[in-house]
Amino acid sequence: MIVATIDQRASRRRADLVDQLIDRLNTGYPLVRPFERTAGDELQGVLDDGPAAAALALEVAATRAWSIGVGVGAVRLPLPAQTRAGAGPAFENARAAVERAKHSPASLAVVGPEPEGPRLEAELQLVAELEARRSPAAAEAGLLIEQGFSQREAAERLGITQQAVSARLAAGLWQPTRALLREAGAALGRLSDSADAAGERSGGVA
């Protein structure tokens, strides 16, 4: 299972944004248990979809308003209806991850079984850092491509040439980061499935 724990950065100097983020994540991603406030300016949710968890982590980290920790591992069954009542290694790993994320330039950390956990953390942190450095123009072109538009269609919408769109995508490393994100998401899903199976074999958790 995959548990995401998210903590608002500099919350004493900013308005409370927890409820707003909860609404966004609960309507935007497939969840096993919905995000809910756990304490103060922190929220937590449970997923079993690796690609969705990776995309969610990057979306949250990109705001730079939050630190997000992704924990991978077994959970104690039956999983309670309330996210905050959950227990097991995935929840413990998410707690460790969010604490580490607070000191990460990418505002993101992953804790899970080795050696896959550290590798996934490095991959997602790299994507997060590259996306943070992408120019607004490159990000705009990439978003259109991600929405299903061809480069020709994106060029028409942006009022530029197709060659300019291609140049923006290349400068923003759009294709390599998307490919790495896809691979990381798939690997995160496999690691979650493996942790669930190991938990079932040990009894009491899955």
C-alpha atoms as a PDB file:
ATOM      1  CA  MET A   1       0.000   0.000   0.000  1.00  0.00           C
ATOM      2  CA  ILE A   2       1.054   3.615  -0.471  1.00  0.00           C
ATOM      3  CA  VAL A   3       0.455   6.258   2.189  1.00  0.00           C
ATOM      4  CA  ALA A   4       1.009   9.952   1.468  1.00  0.00           C
ATOM      5  CA  THR A   5       1.519  12.301   4.398  1.00  0.00           C
ATOM      6  CA  ILE A   6       1.592  16.010   3.554  1.00  0.00           C
ATOM      7  CA  ASP A   7       2.583  18.898   5.787  1.00  0.00           C
ATOM      8  CA  GLN A   8       2.096  22.606   5.019  1.00  0.00           C
ATOM      9  CA  ARG A   9       5.346  24.554   4.922  1.00  0.00           C
ATOM     10  CA  ALA A  10       5.705  27.795   6.874  1.00  0.00           C
ATOM     11  CA  SER A  11       2.166  27.339   8.137  1.00  0.00           C
ATOM     12  CA  ARG A  12       2.573  29.923  10.882  1.00  0.00           C
ATOM     13  CA  ARG A  13       3.104  32.608   8.233  1.00  0.00           C
ATOM     14  CA  ARG A  14       0.454  31.393   5.782  1.00  0.00           C
ATOM     15  CA  ALA A  15      -3.265  30.829   5.748  1.00  0.00           C
ATOM     16  CA  ASP A  16      -4.446  27.298   6.467  1.00  0.00           C
ATOM     17  CA  LEU A  17      -4.669  25.590   3.060  1.00  0.00           C
ATOM     18  CA  VAL A  18      -5.370  22.048   4.255  1.00  0.00           C
ATOM     19  CA  ASP A  19      -9.089  21.880   3.412  1.00  0.00           C
ATOM     20  CA  GLN A  20      -8.457  23.300  -0.052  1.00  0.00           C
ATOM     21  CA  LEU A  21      -5.799  20.672  -0.797  1.00  0.00           C
ATOM     22  CA  ILE A  22      -7.978  17.878   0.604  1.00  0.00           C
ATOM     23  CA  ASP A  23     -10.756  18.819  -1.833  1.00  0.00           C
ATOM     24  CA  ARG A  24      -8.329  18.878  -4.748  1.00  0.00           C
ATOM     25  CA  LEU A  25      -6.702  15.509  -4.010  1.00  0.00           C
ATOM     26  CA  ASN A  26      -9.887  13.670  -3.060  1.00  0.00           C
ATOM     27  CA  THR A  27     -11.552  14.618  -6.337  1.00  0.00           C
ATOM     28  CA  GLY A  28      -8.479  14.338  -8.546  1.00  0.00           C
ATOM     29  CA  TYR A  29      -6.996  10.931  -7.725  1.00  0.00           C
ATOM     30  CA  PRO A  30      -8.129   7.311  -7.164  1.00  0.00           C
ATOM     31  CA  LEU A  31      -7.787   6.655  -3.432  1.00  0.00           C
ATOM     32  CA  VAL A  32      -8.176   3.669  -1.135  1.00  0.00           C
ATOM     33  CA  ARG A  33      -8.880   6.020   1.770  1.00  0.00           C
ATOM     34  CA  PRO A  34      -9.505   9.754   1.278  1.00  0.00           C
ATOM     35  CA  PHE A  35      -7.197  12.477   2.405  1.00  0.00           C
ATOM     36  CA  GLU A  36      -8.157  13.936   5.749  1.00  0.00           C
ATOM     37  CA  ARG A  37      -6.586  16.263   8.256  1.00  0.00           C
ATOM     38  CA  THR A  38      -4.603  14.271  10.802  1.00  0.00           C
ATOM     39  CA  ALA A  39      -3.227  17.043  13.022  1.00  0.00           C
ATOM     40  CA  GLY A  40      -2.818  20.792  12.648  1.00  0.00           C
ATOM     41  CA  ASP A  41      -1.682  21.535   9.109  1.00  0.00           C
ATOM     42  CA  GLU A  42      -1.072  17.917   8.090  1.00  0.00           C
ATOM     43  CA  LEU A  43      -3.132  15.589   5.919  1.00  0.00           C
ATOM     44  CA  GLN A  44      -2.884  11.944   4.950  1.00  0.00           C
ATOM     45  CA  GLY A  45      -4.383   9.603   2.348  1.00  0.00           C
ATOM     46  CA  VAL A  46      -3.993   6.004   1.185  1.00  0.00           C
ATOM     47  CA  LEU A  47      -3.482   4.777  -2.382  1.00  0.00           C
ATOM     48  CA  ASP A  48      -2.694   1.539  -4.170  1.00  0.00           C
ATOM     49  CA  ASP A  49      -2.100   3.035  -7.627  1.00  0.00           C
ATOM     50  CA  GLY A  50       1.592   3.686  -8.251  1.00  0.00           C
ATOM     51  CA  PRO A  51       1.316   6.058 -11.239  1.00  0.00           C
ATOM     52  CA  ALA A  52      -1.395   8.068  -9.461  1.00  0.00           C
ATOM     53  CA  ALA A  53       0.713   8.297  -6.303  1.00  0.00           C
ATOM     54  CA  ALA A  54       3.747   9.483  -8.269  1.00  0.00           C
ATOM     55  CA  ALA A  55       1.712  12.124 -10.125  1.00  0.00           C
ATOM     56  CA  LEU A  56       0.108  13.276  -6.872  1.00  0.00           C
ATOM     57  CA  ALA A  57       3.485  13.598  -5.167  1.00  0.00           C
ATOM     58  CA  LEU A  58       4.848  15.729  -7.999  1.00  0.00           C
ATOM     59  CA  GLU A  59       1.777  17.949  -8.115  1.00  0.00           C
ATOM     60  CA  VAL A  60       1.976  18.640  -4.384  1.00  0.00           C
ATOM     61  CA  ALA A  61       5.752  19.129  -4.371  1.00  0.00           C
ATOM     62  CA  ALA A  62       5.551  21.548  -7.313  1.00  0.00           C
ATOM     63  CA  THR A  63       3.583  24.036  -5.241  1.00  0.00           C
ATOM     64  CA  ARG A  64       6.535  24.442  -2.837  1.00  0.00           C
ATOM     65  CA  ALA A  65       3.852  25.137  -0.216  1.00  0.00           C
ATOM     66  CA  TRP A  66       3.887  21.551   1.055  1.00  0.00           C
ATOM     67  CA  SER A  67       6.275  18.781   2.052  1.00  0.00           C
ATOM     68  CA  ILE A  68       5.084  15.345   0.938  1.00  0.00           C
ATOM     69  CA  GLY A  69       6.258  12.007   2.241  1.00  0.00           C
ATOM     70  CA  VAL A  70       5.386   8.815   0.381  1.00  0.00           C
ATOM     71  CA  GLY A  71       5.479   5.658   2.469  1.00  0.00           C
ATOM     72  CA  VAL A  72       5.366   2.209   0.897  1.00  0.00           C
ATOM     73  CA  GLY A  73       4.695  -0.946   2.870  1.00  0.00           C
ATOM     74  CA  ALA A  74       2.087  -3.218   4.361  1.00  0.00           C
ATOM     75  CA  VAL A  75      -0.869  -1.909   6.376  1.00  0.00           C
ATOM     76  CA  ARG A  76      -2.728  -3.452   9.271  1.00  0.00           C
ATOM     77  CA  LEU A  77      -6.004  -5.021   8.178  1.00  0.00           C
ATOM     78  CA  PRO A  78      -8.823  -4.403   8.136  1.00  0.00           C
ATOM     79  CA  LEU A  79      -8.009  -0.876   7.023  1.00  0.00           C
ATOM     80  CA  PRO A  80     -10.126   1.531   9.108  1.00  0.00           C
ATOM     81  CA  ALA A  81     -12.633   3.806   7.400  1.00  0.00           C
ATOM     82  CA  GLN A  82     -10.771   6.827   8.785  1.00  0.00           C
ATOM     83  CA  THR A  83      -7.333   7.350   7.281  1.00  0.00           C
ATOM     84  CA  ARG A  84      -5.884   8.708  10.516  1.00  0.00           C
ATOM     85  CA  ALA A  85      -6.726   5.446  12.301  1.00  0.00           C
ATOM     86  CA  GLY A  86      -4.568   3.337   9.965  1.00  0.00           C
ATOM     87  CA  ALA A  87      -1.427   1.570  11.128  1.00  0.00           C
ATOM     88  CA  GLY A  88       1.391  -0.532   9.757  1.00  0.00           C
ATOM     89  CA  PRO A  89       4.753  -0.062   8.003  1.00  0.00           C
ATOM     90  CA  ALA A  90       3.305   2.062   5.170  1.00  0.00           C
ATOM     91  CA  PHE A  91       2.033   4.626   7.689  1.00  0.00           C
ATOM     92  CA  GLU A  92       5.306   4.543   9.628  1.00  0.00           C
ATOM     93  CA  ASN A  93       7.293   5.000   6.428  1.00  0.00           C
ATOM     94  CA  ALA A  94       5.111   7.932   5.370  1.00  0.00           C
ATOM     95  CA  ARG A  95       5.803   9.632   8.707  1.00  0.00           C
ATOM     96  CA  ALA A  96       9.552   9.174   8.258  1.00  0.00           C
ATOM     97  CA  ALA A  97       9.315  10.345   4.648  1.00  0.00           C
ATOM     98  CA  VAL A  98       7.473  13.602   5.358  1.00  0.00           C
ATOM     99  CA  GLU A  99      10.023  14.510   8.022  1.00  0.00           C
ATOM    100  CA  ARG A 100      12.785  13.960   5.476  1.00  0.00           C
ATOM    101  CA  ALA A 101      10.866  15.869   2.813  1.00  0.00           C
ATOM    102  CA  LYS A 102      10.938  18.975   5.017  1.00  0.00           C
ATOM    103  CA  HIS A 103      14.707  19.111   4.459  1.00  0.00           C
ATOM    104  CA  SER A 104      14.675  18.143   0.770  1.00  0.00           C
ATOM    105  CA  PRO A 105      15.082  20.800  -1.944  1.00  0.00           C
ATOM    106  CA  ALA A 106      12.376  18.931  -3.865  1.00  0.00           C
ATOM    107  CA  SER A 107       9.967  18.987  -0.869  1.00  0.00           C
ATOM    108  CA  LEU A 108       9.440  15.274  -1.514  1.00  0.00           C
ATOM    109  CA  ALA A 109      10.729  12.025  -0.033  1.00  0.00           C
ATOM    110  CA  VAL A 110       9.969   8.315  -0.361  1.00  0.00           C
ATOM    111  CA  VAL A 111      10.530   5.625   2.259  1.00  0.00           C
ATOM    112  CA  GLY A 112       9.958   1.976   1.390  1.00  0.00           C
ATOM    113  CA  PRO A 113      11.647  -1.401   1.126  1.00  0.00           C
ATOM    114  CA  GLU A 114      15.233  -1.308  -0.111  1.00  0.00           C
ATOM    115  CA  PRO A 115      16.735  -1.069  -2.634  1.00  0.00           C
ATOM    116  CA  GLU A 116      13.670   0.108  -4.541  1.00  0.00           C
ATOM    117  CA  GLY A 117      12.578   2.779  -2.054  1.00  0.00           C
ATOM    118  CA  PRO A 118      15.742   4.910  -2.215  1.00  0.00           C
ATOM    119  CA  ARG A 119      15.880   4.581  -6.004  1.00  0.00           C
ATOM    120  CA  LEU A 120      12.285   5.746  -6.366  1.00  0.00           C
ATOM    121  CA  GLU A 121      12.976   8.684  -4.083  1.00  0.00           C
ATOM    122  CA  ALA A 122      15.944   9.734  -6.224  1.00  0.00           C
ATOM    123  CA  GLU A 123      13.909   9.431  -9.433  1.00  0.00           C
ATOM    124  CA  LEU A 124      10.926  11.415  -8.182  1.00  0.00           C
ATOM    125  CA  GLN A 125      13.137  14.075  -6.608  1.00  0.00           C
ATOM    126  CA  LEU A 126      14.993  14.449  -9.905  1.00  0.00           C
ATOM    127  CA  VAL A 127      11.750  14.878 -11.854  1.00  0.00           C
ATOM    128  CA  ALA A 128      10.472  17.369  -9.277  1.00  0.00           C
ATOM    129  CA  GLU A 129      13.648  19.442  -9.494  1.00  0.00           C
ATOM    130  CA  LEU A 130      13.684  19.427 -13.301  1.00  0.00           C
ATOM    131  CA  GLU A 131      10.045  20.458 -13.466  1.00  0.00           C
ATOM    132  CA  ALA A 132      10.640  23.260 -10.972  1.00  0.00           C
ATOM    133  CA  ARG A 133      13.340  24.669 -13.254  1.00  0.00           C
ATOM    134  CA  ARG A 134      11.284  24.401 -16.436  1.00  0.00           C
ATOM    135  CA  SER A 135      10.380  27.770 -17.970  1.00  0.00           C
ATOM    136  CA  PRO A 136       6.716  28.819 -18.038  1.00  0.00           C
ATOM    137  CA  ALA A 137       6.780  28.657 -21.842  1.00  0.00           C
ATOM    138  CA  ALA A 138       8.106  25.099 -21.844  1.00  0.00           C
ATOM    139  CA  ALA A 139       5.619  24.060 -19.161  1.00  0.00           C
ATOM    140  CA  GLU A 140       2.746  25.551 -21.156  1.00  0.00           C
ATOM    141  CA  ALA A 141       3.724  23.615 -24.268  1.00  0.00           C
ATOM    142  CA  GLY A 142       4.207  20.419 -22.293  1.00  0.00           C
ATOM    143  CA  LEU A 143       0.822  20.704 -20.636  1.00  0.00           C
ATOM    144  CA  LEU A 144      -0.900  20.873 -24.023  1.00  0.00           C
ATOM    145  CA  ILE A 145       0.947  17.776 -25.187  1.00  0.00           C
ATOM    146  CA  GLU A 146      -0.029  15.976 -21.988  1.00  0.00           C
ATOM    147  CA  GLN A 147      -3.664  16.913 -22.629  1.00  0.00           C
ATOM    148  CA  GLY A 148      -3.495  15.033 -25.921  1.00  0.00           C
ATOM    149  CA  PHE A 149      -2.798  17.799 -28.414  1.00  0.00           C
ATOM    150  CA  SER A 150      -0.305  17.192 -31.203  1.00  0.00           C
ATOM    151  CA  GLN A 151       2.650  19.537 -31.573  1.00  0.00           C
ATOM    152  CA  ARG A 152       0.914  21.096 -34.590  1.00  0.00           C
ATOM    153  CA  GLU A 153      -2.256  21.669 -32.565  1.00  0.00           C
ATOM    154  CA  ALA A 154      -0.265  23.015 -29.621  1.00  0.00           C
ATOM    155  CA  ALA A 155       1.510  25.424 -31.956  1.00  0.00           C
ATOM    156  CA  GLU A 156      -1.823  26.717 -33.272  1.00  0.00           C
ATOM    157  CA  ARG A 157      -3.129  27.263 -29.763  1.00  0.00           C
ATOM    158  CA  LEU A 158       0.033  29.053 -28.664  1.00  0.00           C
ATOM    159  CA  GLY A 159       0.361  31.112 -31.832  1.00  0.00           C
ATOM    160  CA  ILE A 160       3.870  29.847 -32.561  1.00  0.00           C
ATOM    161  CA  THR A 161       5.457  27.458 -35.052  1.00  0.00           C
ATOM    162  CA  GLN A 162       5.569  23.715 -34.594  1.00  0.00           C
ATOM    163  CA  GLN A 163       9.351  23.985 -34.525  1.00  0.00           C
ATOM    164  CA  ALA A 164       9.090  26.428 -31.611  1.00  0.00           C
ATOM    165  CA  VAL A 165       6.892  23.980 -29.709  1.00  0.00           C
ATOM    166  CA  SER A 166       9.437  21.221 -30.303  1.00  0.00           C
ATOM    167  CA  ALA A 167      12.216  23.516 -29.093  1.00  0.00           C
ATOM    168  CA  ARG A 168      10.286  24.381 -25.920  1.00  0.00           C
ATOM    169  CA  LEU A 169       9.648  20.730 -25.158  1.00  0.00           C
ATOM    170  CA  ALA A 170      13.301  19.876 -25.712  1.00  0.00           C
ATOM    171  CA  ALA A 171      14.537  22.764 -23.573  1.00  0.00           C
ATOM    172  CA  GLY A 172      12.201  21.730 -20.775  1.00  0.00           C
ATOM    173  CA  LEU A 173      13.251  18.066 -21.023  1.00  0.00           C
ATOM    174  CA  TRP A 174       9.567  17.234 -21.297  1.00  0.00           C
ATOM    175  CA  GLN A 175       9.807  13.805 -22.922  1.00  0.00           C
ATOM    176  CA  PRO A 176      12.595  12.441 -20.677  1.00  0.00           C
ATOM    177  CA  THR A 177      10.901  13.604 -17.477  1.00  0.00           C
ATOM    178  CA  ARG A 178       7.544  12.169 -18.581  1.00  0.00           C
ATOM    179  CA  ALA A 179       9.217   8.849 -19.402  1.00  0.00           C
ATOM    180  CA  LEU A 180      10.987   8.762 -16.046  1.00  0.00           C
ATOM    181  CA  LEU A 181       7.755   9.611 -14.250  1.00  0.00           C
ATOM    182  CA  ARG A 182       5.937   6.768 -16.018  1.00  0.00           C
ATOM    183  CA  GLU A 183       8.647   4.291 -15.064  1.00  0.00           C
ATOM    184  CA  ALA A 184       8.777   5.531 -11.479  1.00  0.00           C
ATOM    185  CA  GLY A 185       5.006   5.294 -11.156  1.00  0.00           C
ATOM    186  CA  ALA A 186       4.967   1.732 -12.471  1.00  0.00           C
ATOM    187  CA  ALA A 187       7.820   0.760 -10.142  1.00  0.00           C
ATOM    188  CA  LEU A 188       6.015   2.358  -7.204  1.00  0.00           C
ATOM    189  CA  GLY A 189       2.964   0.234  -7.977  1.00  0.00           C
ATOM    190  CA  ARG A 190       5.038  -2.952  -8.144  1.00  0.00           C
ATOM    191  CA  LEU A 191       6.759  -2.134  -4.866  1.00  0.00           C
ATOM    192  CA  SER A 192       3.391  -1.529  -3.209  1.00  0.00           C
ATOM    193  CA  ASP A 193       2.034  -4.857  -4.491  1.00  0.00           C
ATOM    194  CA  SER A 194       5.156  -6.646  -3.292  1.00  0.00           C
ATOM    195  CA  ALA A 195       4.889  -5.081   0.172  1.00  0.00           C
ATOM    196  CA  ASP A 196       1.217  -6.077   0.390  1.00  0.00           C
ATOM    197  CA  ALA A 197       2.026  -9.671  -0.548  1.00  0.00           C
ATOM    198  CA  ALA A 198       4.863  -9.831   1.984  1.00  0.00           C
ATOM    199  CA  GLY A 199       2.537  -8.484   4.665  1.00  0.00           C
ATOM    200  CA  GLU A 200      -0.061 -11.118   3.902  1.00  0.00           C
ATOM    201  CA  ARG A 201       2.531 -13.874   4.186  1.00  0.00           C
ATOM    202  CA  SER A 202       3.679 -12.585   7.576  1.00  0.00           C
ATOM    203  CA  GLY A 203       0.087 -12.380   8.847  1.00  0.00           C
ATOM    204  CA  GLY A 204      -1.780  -9.473  10.425  1.00  0.00           C
ATOM    205  CA  VAL A 205      -0.878  -6.902   7.787  1.00  0.00           C
ATOM    206  CA  ALA A 206      -1.211  -6.682   4.017  1.00  0.00           C
END
